[in-house]
Structures are given as C-alpha cells and as structure tokens.
Amino acid sequence: MAFFDNSFVSSRITLRQRMARLFDTPFDRRYRQRTARVEELRALSDSALAARGIARDDILLHVFSGKL
C-alpha cells in the first residue's frame, strides 16, 4: 500500500510559472480565479455552505454563473 503525504509540496511559484504569467490573457486570470474559488468552496463543510445558501452540488453553477 502506497502513501503520499502532500504536506511537503511547495506552494512557491516556479520560474516556469512566472514566465507563463508574462503571457497571461484575461481568460487565463479569470480561469485561475474561478478555479481557486471552486477549491475554496469545496473545502467548506456542508453547514458552512448552507449558511451561504449554496448546496454542494451547486458550487460550479454558483461560481460560473458569476455569483462570485
């Protein structure tokens, strides 16, 4: 049985990522923002989502409908 501990994965931006950002388009930035928002909402508990009026099944609909 294999085990992978991702607590040691670096969150630093690499040189390759910095170079790629030089050629970013508005679409790329919007994609990163929405992806981060989806990850943020998926990390919340069901009760925290309910307090915001969002069902877990509706996270993508909520983010991509422009209700950021």
PDB file of N, CA and C in Angstrom:
ATOM      1  N   MET A   1       0.847  -1.179   0.000  1.00  0.00           N
ATOM      2  CA  MET A   1       0.000   0.000   0.000  1.00  0.00           C
ATOM      3  C   MET A   1       0.893   1.242   0.000  1.00  0.00           C
ATOM      4  N   ALA A   2       0.653   2.129  -0.915  1.00  0.00           N
ATOM      5  CA  ALA A   2       1.448   3.349  -1.034  1.00  0.00           C
ATOM      6  C   ALA A   2       0.755   4.491  -0.301  1.00  0.00           C
ATOM      7  N   PHE A   3       1.558   5.381   0.230  1.00  0.00           N
ATOM      8  CA  PHE A   3       1.029   6.542   0.935  1.00  0.00           C
ATOM      9  C   PHE A   3       1.783   7.768   0.451  1.00  0.00           C
ATOM     10  N   PHE A   4       1.067   8.804   0.106  1.00  0.00           N
ATOM     11  CA  PHE A   4       1.678  10.045  -0.354  1.00  0.00           C
ATOM     12  C   PHE A   4       1.264  11.158   0.586  1.00  0.00           C
ATOM     13  N   ASP A   5       2.225  11.769   1.203  1.00  0.00           N
ATOM     14  CA  ASP A   5       1.972  12.883   2.110  1.00  0.00           C
ATOM     15  C   ASP A   5       2.234  14.173   1.344  1.00  0.00           C
ATOM     16  N   ASN A   6       1.179  14.899   1.029  1.00  0.00           N
ATOM     17  CA  ASN A   6       1.344  16.112   0.233  1.00  0.00           C
ATOM     18  C   ASN A   6       1.590  17.360   1.082  1.00  0.00           C
ATOM     19  N   SER A   7       1.874  17.182   2.355  1.00  0.00           N
ATOM     20  CA  SER A   7       2.141  18.341   3.201  1.00  0.00           C
ATOM     21  C   SER A   7       3.486  18.987   2.882  1.00  0.00           C
ATOM     22  N   PHE A   8       4.340  18.288   2.134  1.00  0.00           N
ATOM     23  CA  PHE A   8       5.643  18.829   1.789  1.00  0.00           C
ATOM     24  C   PHE A   8       5.679  19.424   0.385  1.00  0.00           C
ATOM     25  N   VAL A   9       4.555  19.484  -0.296  1.00  0.00           N
ATOM     26  CA  VAL A   9       4.511  20.058  -1.631  1.00  0.00           C
ATOM     27  C   VAL A   9       4.637  21.573  -1.512  1.00  0.00           C
ATOM     28  N   SER A  10       5.546  22.127  -2.248  1.00  0.00           N
ATOM     29  CA  SER A  10       5.814  23.556  -2.181  1.00  0.00           C
ATOM     30  C   SER A  10       4.704  24.341  -2.877  1.00  0.00           C
ATOM     31  N   SER A  11       4.319  25.437  -2.277  1.00  0.00           N
ATOM     32  CA  SER A  11       3.317  26.305  -2.889  1.00  0.00           C
ATOM     33  C   SER A  11       3.971  27.523  -3.545  1.00  0.00           C
ATOM     34  N   ARG A  12       5.307  27.506  -3.629  1.00  0.00           N
ATOM     35  CA  ARG A  12       6.020  28.615  -4.258  1.00  0.00           C
ATOM     36  C   ARG A  12       5.821  28.571  -5.772  1.00  0.00           C
ATOM     37  N   ILE A  13       5.816  29.736  -6.366  1.00  0.00           N
ATOM     38  CA  ILE A  13       5.680  29.848  -7.813  1.00  0.00           C
ATOM     39  C   ILE A  13       7.032  29.562  -8.447  1.00  0.00           C
ATOM     40  N   THR A  14       7.048  28.652  -9.400  1.00  0.00           N
ATOM     41  CA  THR A  14       8.293  28.282 -10.065  1.00  0.00           C
ATOM     42  C   THR A  14       8.636  29.304 -11.148  1.00  0.00           C
ATOM     43  N   LEU A  15       9.860  29.230 -11.630  1.00  0.00           N
ATOM     44  CA  LEU A  15      10.295  30.122 -12.702  1.00  0.00           C
ATOM     45  C   LEU A  15       9.449  29.900 -13.955  1.00  0.00           C
ATOM     46  N   ARG A  16       9.133  28.656 -14.232  1.00  0.00           N
ATOM     47  CA  ARG A  16       8.302  28.345 -15.405  1.00  0.00           C
ATOM     48  C   ARG A  16       6.922  28.991 -15.280  1.00  0.00           C
ATOM     49  N   GLN A  17       6.330  28.946 -14.077  1.00  0.00           N
ATOM     50  CA  GLN A  17       5.022  29.578 -13.868  1.00  0.00           C
ATOM     51  C   GLN A  17       5.118  31.093 -13.995  1.00  0.00           C
ATOM     52  N   ARG A  18       6.210  31.674 -13.511  1.00  0.00           N
ATOM     53  CA  ARG A  18       6.392  33.126 -13.640  1.00  0.00           C
ATOM     54  C   ARG A  18       6.509  33.536 -15.102  1.00  0.00           C
ATOM     55  N   MET A  19       7.243  32.749 -15.866  1.00  0.00           N
ATOM     56  CA  MET A  19       7.384  33.049 -17.292  1.00  0.00           C
ATOM     57  C   MET A  19       6.042  32.916 -18.012  1.00  0.00           C
ATOM     58  N   ALA A  20       5.274  31.912 -17.652  1.00  0.00           N
ATOM     59  CA  ALA A  20       3.962  31.708 -18.280  1.00  0.00           C
ATOM     60  C   ALA A  20       3.032  32.871 -17.970  1.00  0.00           C
ATOM     61  N   ARG A  21       3.155  33.446 -16.794  1.00  0.00           N
ATOM     62  CA  ARG A  21       2.288  34.565 -16.423  1.00  0.00           C
ATOM     63  C   ARG A  21       2.592  35.829 -17.223  1.00  0.00           C
ATOM     64  N   LEU A  22       3.781  35.908 -17.796  1.00  0.00           N
ATOM     65  CA  LEU A  22       4.100  37.056 -18.640  1.00  0.00           C
ATOM     66  C   LEU A  22       3.191  37.109 -19.862  1.00  0.00           C
ATOM     67  N   PHE A  23       2.738  35.947 -20.300  1.00  0.00           N
ATOM     68  CA  PHE A  23       1.899  35.864 -21.493  1.00  0.00           C
ATOM     69  C   PHE A  23       0.447  35.568 -21.155  1.00  0.00           C
ATOM     70  N   ASP A  24       0.066  35.829 -19.922  1.00  0.00           N
ATOM     71  CA  ASP A  24      -1.310  35.601 -19.477  1.00  0.00           C
ATOM     72  C   ASP A  24      -2.300  36.448 -20.266  1.00  0.00           C
ATOM     73  N   THR A  25      -3.446  35.868 -20.496  1.00  0.00           N
ATOM     74  CA  THR A  25      -4.559  36.604 -21.087  1.00  0.00           C
ATOM     75  C   THR A  25      -5.592  36.846 -19.990  1.00  0.00           C
ATOM     76  N   PRO A  26      -6.526  37.737 -20.201  1.00  0.00           N
ATOM     77  CA  PRO A  26      -7.599  37.911 -19.214  1.00  0.00           C
ATOM     78  C   PRO A  26      -8.361  36.600 -18.952  1.00  0.00           C
ATOM     79  N   PHE A  27      -8.479  35.775 -19.985  1.00  0.00           N
ATOM     80  CA  PHE A  27      -9.145  34.487 -19.811  1.00  0.00           C
ATOM     81  C   PHE A  27      -8.377  33.610 -18.829  1.00  0.00           C
ATOM     82  N   ASP A  28      -7.046  33.597 -18.921  1.00  0.00           N
ATOM     83  CA  ASP A  28      -6.219  32.799 -18.015  1.00  0.00           C
ATOM     84  C   ASP A  28      -6.385  33.251 -16.569  1.00  0.00           C
ATOM     85  N   ARG A  29      -6.383  34.551 -16.350  1.00  0.00           N
ATOM     86  CA  ARG A  29      -6.546  35.074 -14.994  1.00  0.00           C
ATOM     87  C   ARG A  29      -7.920  34.725 -14.436  1.00  0.00           C
ATOM     88  N   ARG A  30      -8.955  34.875 -15.249  1.00  0.00           N
ATOM     89  CA  ARG A  30     -10.314  34.550 -14.811  1.00  0.00           C
ATOM     90  C   ARG A  30     -10.437  33.062 -14.506  1.00  0.00           C
ATOM     91  N   TYR A  31      -9.791  32.218 -15.306  1.00  0.00           N
ATOM     92  CA  TYR A  31      -9.812  30.776 -15.071  1.00  0.00           C
ATOM     93  C   TYR A  31      -9.167  30.440 -13.724  1.00  0.00           C
ATOM     94  N   ARG A  32      -8.009  31.056 -13.442  1.00  0.00           N
ATOM     95  CA  ARG A  32      -7.342  30.803 -12.165  1.00  0.00           C
ATOM     96  C   ARG A  32      -8.187  31.272 -10.991  1.00  0.00           C
ATOM     97  N   GLN A  33      -8.825  32.433 -11.132  1.00  0.00           N
ATOM     98  CA  GLN A  33      -9.674  32.948 -10.055  1.00  0.00           C
ATOM     99  C   GLN A  33     -10.847  32.018  -9.786  1.00  0.00           C
ATOM    100  N   ARG A  34     -11.502  31.573 -10.841  1.00  0.00           N
ATOM    101  CA  ARG A  34     -12.655  30.690 -10.669  1.00  0.00           C
ATOM    102  C   ARG A  34     -12.257  29.330 -10.126  1.00  0.00           C
ATOM    103  N   THR A  35     -11.124  28.817 -10.575  1.00  0.00           N
ATOM    104  CA  THR A  35     -10.647  27.539 -10.061  1.00  0.00           C
ATOM    105  C   THR A  35     -10.343  27.646  -8.572  1.00  0.00           C
ATOM    106  N   ALA A  36      -9.727  28.741  -8.168  1.00  0.00           N
ATOM    107  CA  ALA A  36      -9.427  28.950  -6.751  1.00  0.00           C
ATOM    108  C   ALA A  36     -10.712  29.071  -5.938  1.00  0.00           C
ATOM    109  N   ARG A  37     -11.704  29.743  -6.497  1.00  0.00           N
ATOM    110  CA  ARG A  37     -12.990  29.907  -5.796  1.00  0.00           C
ATOM    111  C   ARG A  37     -13.693  28.561  -5.626  1.00  0.00           C
ATOM    112  N   VAL A  38     -13.658  27.717  -6.657  1.00  0.00           N
ATOM    113  CA  VAL A  38     -14.264  26.383  -6.566  1.00  0.00           C
ATOM    114  C   VAL A  38     -13.557  25.571  -5.483  1.00  0.00           C
ATOM    115  N   GLU A  39     -12.237  25.595  -5.462  1.00  0.00           N
ATOM    116  CA  GLU A  39     -11.482  24.860  -4.446  1.00  0.00           C
ATOM    117  C   GLU A  39     -11.800  25.372  -3.050  1.00  0.00           C
ATOM    118  N   GLU A  40     -11.930  26.690  -2.914  1.00  0.00           N
ATOM    119  CA  GLU A  40     -12.252  27.298  -1.624  1.00  0.00           C
ATOM    120  C   GLU A  40     -13.624  26.833  -1.128  1.00  0.00           C
ATOM    121  N   LEU A  41     -14.604  26.833  -2.017  1.00  0.00           N
ATOM    122  CA  LEU A  41     -15.948  26.415  -1.619  1.00  0.00           C
ATOM    123  C   LEU A  41     -16.019  24.913  -1.348  1.00  0.00           C
ATOM    124  N   ARG A  42     -15.302  24.119  -2.118  1.00  0.00           N
ATOM    125  CA  ARG A  42     -15.304  22.671  -1.891  1.00  0.00           C
ATOM    126  C   ARG A  42     -14.654  22.301  -0.567  1.00  0.00           C
ATOM    127  N   ALA A  43     -13.773  23.147  -0.066  1.00  0.00           N
ATOM    128  CA  ALA A  43     -13.101  22.882   1.204  1.00  0.00           C
ATOM    129  C   ALA A  43     -14.001  23.165   2.406  1.00  0.00           C
ATOM    130  N   LEU A  44     -15.087  23.903   2.194  1.00  0.00           N
ATOM    131  CA  LEU A  44     -16.001  24.227   3.287  1.00  0.00           C
ATOM    132  C   LEU A  44     -16.859  23.022   3.657  1.00  0.00           C
ATOM    133  N   SER A  45     -17.327  23.028   4.886  1.00  0.00           N
ATOM    134  CA  SER A  45     -18.233  21.962   5.336  1.00  0.00           C
ATOM    135  C   SER A  45     -19.627  22.215   4.757  1.00  0.00           C
ATOM    136  N   ASP A  46     -20.469  21.202   4.827  1.00  0.00           N
ATOM    137  CA  ASP A  46     -21.828  21.344   4.312  1.00  0.00           C
ATOM    138  C   ASP A  46     -22.604  22.414   5.071  1.00  0.00           C
ATOM    139  N   SER A  47     -22.372  22.509   6.371  1.00  0.00           N
ATOM    140  CA  SER A  47     -23.089  23.526   7.158  1.00  0.00           C
ATOM    141  C   SER A  47     -22.620  24.939   6.798  1.00  0.00           C
ATOM    142  N   ALA A  48     -21.321  25.101   6.520  1.00  0.00           N
ATOM    143  CA  ALA A  48     -20.813  26.419   6.119  1.00  0.00           C
ATOM    144  C   ALA A  48     -21.357  26.808   4.751  1.00  0.00           C
ATOM    145  N   LEU A  49     -21.465  25.825   3.849  1.00  0.00           N
ATOM    146  CA  LEU A  49     -22.057  26.107   2.538  1.00  0.00           C
ATOM    147  C   LEU A  49     -23.521  26.479   2.671  1.00  0.00           C
ATOM    148  N   ALA A  50     -24.240  25.754   3.537  1.00  0.00           N
ATOM    149  CA  ALA A  50     -25.665  26.040   3.748  1.00  0.00           C
ATOM    150  C   ALA A  50     -25.860  27.441   4.311  1.00  0.00           C
ATOM    151  N   ALA A  51     -24.944  27.876   5.169  1.00  0.00           N
ATOM    152  CA  ALA A  51     -25.031  29.229   5.728  1.00  0.00           C
ATOM    153  C   ALA A  51     -24.880  30.286   4.634  1.00  0.00           C
ATOM    154  N   ARG A  52     -24.176  29.944   3.577  1.00  0.00           N
ATOM    155  CA  ARG A  52     -24.003  30.856   2.440  1.00  0.00           C
ATOM    156  C   ARG A  52     -25.098  30.680   1.393  1.00  0.00           C
ATOM    157  N   GLY A  53     -25.968  29.701   1.626  1.00  0.00           N
ATOM    158  CA  GLY A  53     -27.062  29.466   0.694  1.00  0.00           C
ATOM    159  C   GLY A  53     -26.657  28.679  -0.541  1.00  0.00           C
ATOM    160  N   ILE A  54     -25.628  27.842  -0.408  1.00  0.00           N
ATOM    161  CA  ILE A  54     -25.123  27.073  -1.535  1.00  0.00           C
ATOM    162  C   ILE A  54     -25.166  25.591  -1.189  1.00  0.00           C
ATOM    163  N   ALA A  55     -25.703  24.792  -2.075  1.00  0.00           N
ATOM    164  CA  ALA A  55     -25.647  23.341  -1.924  1.00  0.00           C
ATOM    165  C   ALA A  55     -24.349  22.853  -2.555  1.00  0.00           C
ATOM    166  N   ARG A  56     -23.788  21.782  -2.019  1.00  0.00           N
ATOM    167  CA  ARG A  56     -22.518  21.253  -2.540  1.00  0.00           C
ATOM    168  C   ARG A  56     -22.615  20.940  -4.034  1.00  0.00           C
ATOM    169  N   ASP A  57     -23.759  20.443  -4.475  1.00  0.00           N
ATOM    170  CA  ASP A  57     -23.947  20.115  -5.895  1.00  0.00           C
ATOM    171  C   ASP A  57     -24.009  21.359  -6.780  1.00  0.00           C
ATOM    172  N   ASP A  58     -24.233  22.520  -6.186  1.00  0.00           N
ATOM    173  CA  ASP A  58     -24.390  23.753  -6.962  1.00  0.00           C
ATOM    174  C   ASP A  58     -23.166  24.666  -6.930  1.00  0.00           C
ATOM    175  N   ILE A  59     -22.041  24.163  -6.440  1.00  0.00           N
ATOM    176  CA  ILE A  59     -20.844  25.008  -6.340  1.00  0.00           C
ATOM    177  C   ILE A  59     -20.415  25.503  -7.722  1.00  0.00           C
ATOM    178  N   LEU A  60     -20.306  24.605  -8.687  1.00  0.00           N
ATOM    179  CA  LEU A  60     -19.879  25.031 -10.023  1.00  0.00           C
ATOM    180  C   LEU A  60     -20.872  26.009 -10.634  1.00  0.00           C
ATOM    181  N   LEU A  61     -22.147  25.748 -10.492  1.00  0.00           N
ATOM    182  CA  LEU A  61     -23.168  26.647 -11.009  1.00  0.00           C
ATOM    183  C   LEU A  61     -23.039  28.027 -10.348  1.00  0.00           C
ATOM    184  N   HIS A  62     -22.802  28.036  -9.068  1.00  0.00           N
ATOM    185  CA  HIS A  62     -22.665  29.286  -8.324  1.00  0.00           C
ATOM    186  C   HIS A  62     -21.452  30.086  -8.830  1.00  0.00           C
ATOM    187  N   VAL A  63     -20.318  29.422  -8.993  1.00  0.00           N
ATOM    188  CA  VAL A  63     -19.098  30.109  -9.408  1.00  0.00           C
ATOM    189  C   VAL A  63     -19.169  30.562 -10.857  1.00  0.00           C
ATOM    190  N   PHE A  64     -19.613  29.683 -11.743  1.00  0.00           N
ATOM    191  CA  PHE A  64     -19.596  30.016 -13.173  1.00  0.00           C
ATOM    192  C   PHE A  64     -20.786  30.835 -13.639  1.00  0.00           C
ATOM    193  N   SER A  65     -21.757  31.051 -12.761  1.00  0.00           N
ATOM    194  CA  SER A  65     -22.859  31.922 -13.142  1.00  0.00           C
ATOM    195  C   SER A  65     -22.543  33.386 -12.813  1.00  0.00           C
ATOM    196  N   GLY A  66     -21.374  33.610 -12.249  1.00  0.00           N
ATOM    197  CA  GLY A  66     -20.954  34.987 -11.972  1.00  0.00           C
ATOM    198  C   GLY A  66     -21.336  35.466 -10.604  1.00  0.00           C
ATOM    199  N   LYS A  67     -21.741  34.591  -9.706  1.00  0.00           N
ATOM    200  CA  LYS A  67     -22.129  34.991  -8.352  1.00  0.00           C
ATOM    201  C   LYS A  67     -20.950  34.890  -7.404  1.00  0.00           C
ATOM    202  N   LEU A  68     -19.807  35.396  -7.836  1.00  0.00           N
ATOM    203  CA  LEU A  68     -18.607  35.332  -7.024  1.00  0.00           C
ATOM    204  C   LEU A  68     -18.782  36.183  -5.793  1.00  0.00           C
TER     205      LEU A  68
END
